[in-house]
C-alpha cells in the first residue's frame, strides 16, 4: 500500500505497523538496526546526535532516502 493511500484513508495503527514492517523487511539491517528505522531517526536528528546514539554514521540512499523522508514529513504535517 502506498503511503499517500495510508493517510488518505484514515489509517489504523495496525495498517501503519504493517506498512513499516514491510519497509523493515525490504531494506534489511545494518549493524543490528533496521535501515528503515535508522533512516527515520536520521531525518529527525543531527548527524552528531545520530552518532552519539548509534556510534556510527549513516546516510540513507536512493529509494530508502525518498520513502523515509516522505514518511517522516507526512507524519510531521498531520
Protein backbone atom coordinates (compact mmCIF):
# COMPACT_ATOMS: atom_id res chain seq x y z
CA UNK A 1 0.00 0.00 0.00
CA UNK A 2 1.32 3.44 -0.85
CA UNK A 3 1.97 5.98 1.87
CA UNK A 4 -0.41 8.53 0.39
CA UNK A 5 -3.23 5.98 0.50
CA UNK A 6 -2.44 5.18 4.12
CA UNK A 7 -3.04 8.76 5.16
CA UNK A 8 -5.93 9.41 2.81
CA UNK A 9 -7.96 6.52 4.21
CA UNK A 10 -7.81 7.21 7.97
CA UNK A 11 -5.21 4.57 8.60
CA UNK A 12 -5.44 2.36 11.64
CA UNK A 13 -2.33 1.79 13.70
CA UNK A 14 -2.31 -1.84 12.56
CA UNK A 15 -2.17 -0.80 8.89
CA UNK A 16 0.63 1.63 9.65
CA UNK A 17 2.56 -1.04 11.54
CA UNK A 18 2.17 -3.44 8.60
CA UNK A 19 3.49 -0.75 6.26
CA UNK A 20 6.52 -0.12 8.47
CA UNK A 21 7.13 -3.85 8.89
CA UNK A 22 7.20 -4.29 5.12
CA UNK A 23 9.73 -1.44 4.84
CA UNK A 24 11.92 -3.00 7.53
CA UNK A 25 11.91 -6.29 5.62
CA UNK A 26 12.51 -4.56 2.29
CA UNK A 27 15.61 -2.63 3.40
CA UNK A 28 17.12 -5.06 5.90
CA UNK A 29 19.55 -4.32 8.69
CA UNK A 30 22.89 -2.63 9.22
CA UNK A 31 24.85 -3.23 12.44
CA UNK A 32 21.81 -4.85 14.04
CA UNK A 33 19.41 -1.98 13.32
CA UNK A 34 16.76 -1.82 10.62
CA UNK A 35 17.74 0.63 7.89
CA UNK A 36 14.14 1.89 7.77
CA UNK A 37 14.22 2.87 11.45
CA UNK A 38 17.69 4.40 11.13
CA UNK A 39 16.55 6.49 8.16
CA UNK A 40 13.57 7.83 10.11
CA UNK A 41 15.83 8.81 13.02
CA UNK A 42 18.35 10.32 10.60
CA UNK A 43 15.70 12.73 9.31
CA UNK A 44 14.72 13.76 12.85
CA UNK A 45 18.17 14.38 14.33
CA UNK A 46 21.56 15.89 13.55
CA UNK A 47 24.49 13.81 12.33
CA UNK A 48 26.31 14.42 15.61
CA UNK A 49 23.38 13.23 17.72
CA UNK A 50 22.86 10.23 15.45
CA UNK A 51 26.49 9.24 16.01
CA UNK A 52 26.15 9.70 19.78
CA UNK A 53 23.10 7.42 19.82
CA UNK A 54 24.30 4.64 17.47
CA UNK A 55 28.09 5.01 17.42
CA UNK A 56 28.35 5.06 13.63
CA UNK A 57 27.47 7.35 10.74
CA UNK A 58 24.60 6.53 8.41
CA UNK A 59 23.12 8.24 5.38
CA UNK A 60 20.05 6.72 3.71
CA UNK A 61 20.49 6.45 -0.04
CA UNK A 62 18.25 6.14 -3.06
CA UNK A 63 14.73 4.87 -2.63
CA UNK A 64 15.17 4.43 1.14
CA UNK A 65 16.02 8.13 1.43
CA UNK A 66 12.96 9.18 -0.57
CA UNK A 67 10.49 6.87 1.18
CA UNK A 68 11.73 7.61 4.70
CA UNK A 69 11.71 11.37 4.03
CA UNK A 70 8.14 11.21 2.73
CA UNK A 71 7.08 9.11 5.72
CA UNK A 72 8.66 11.42 8.31
CA UNK A 73 7.46 14.64 6.69
CA UNK A 74 3.94 13.31 6.12
CA UNK A 75 3.69 12.23 9.77
CA UNK A 76 5.02 15.61 10.94
CA UNK A 77 2.41 17.51 8.93
CA UNK A 78 -0.60 15.57 10.17
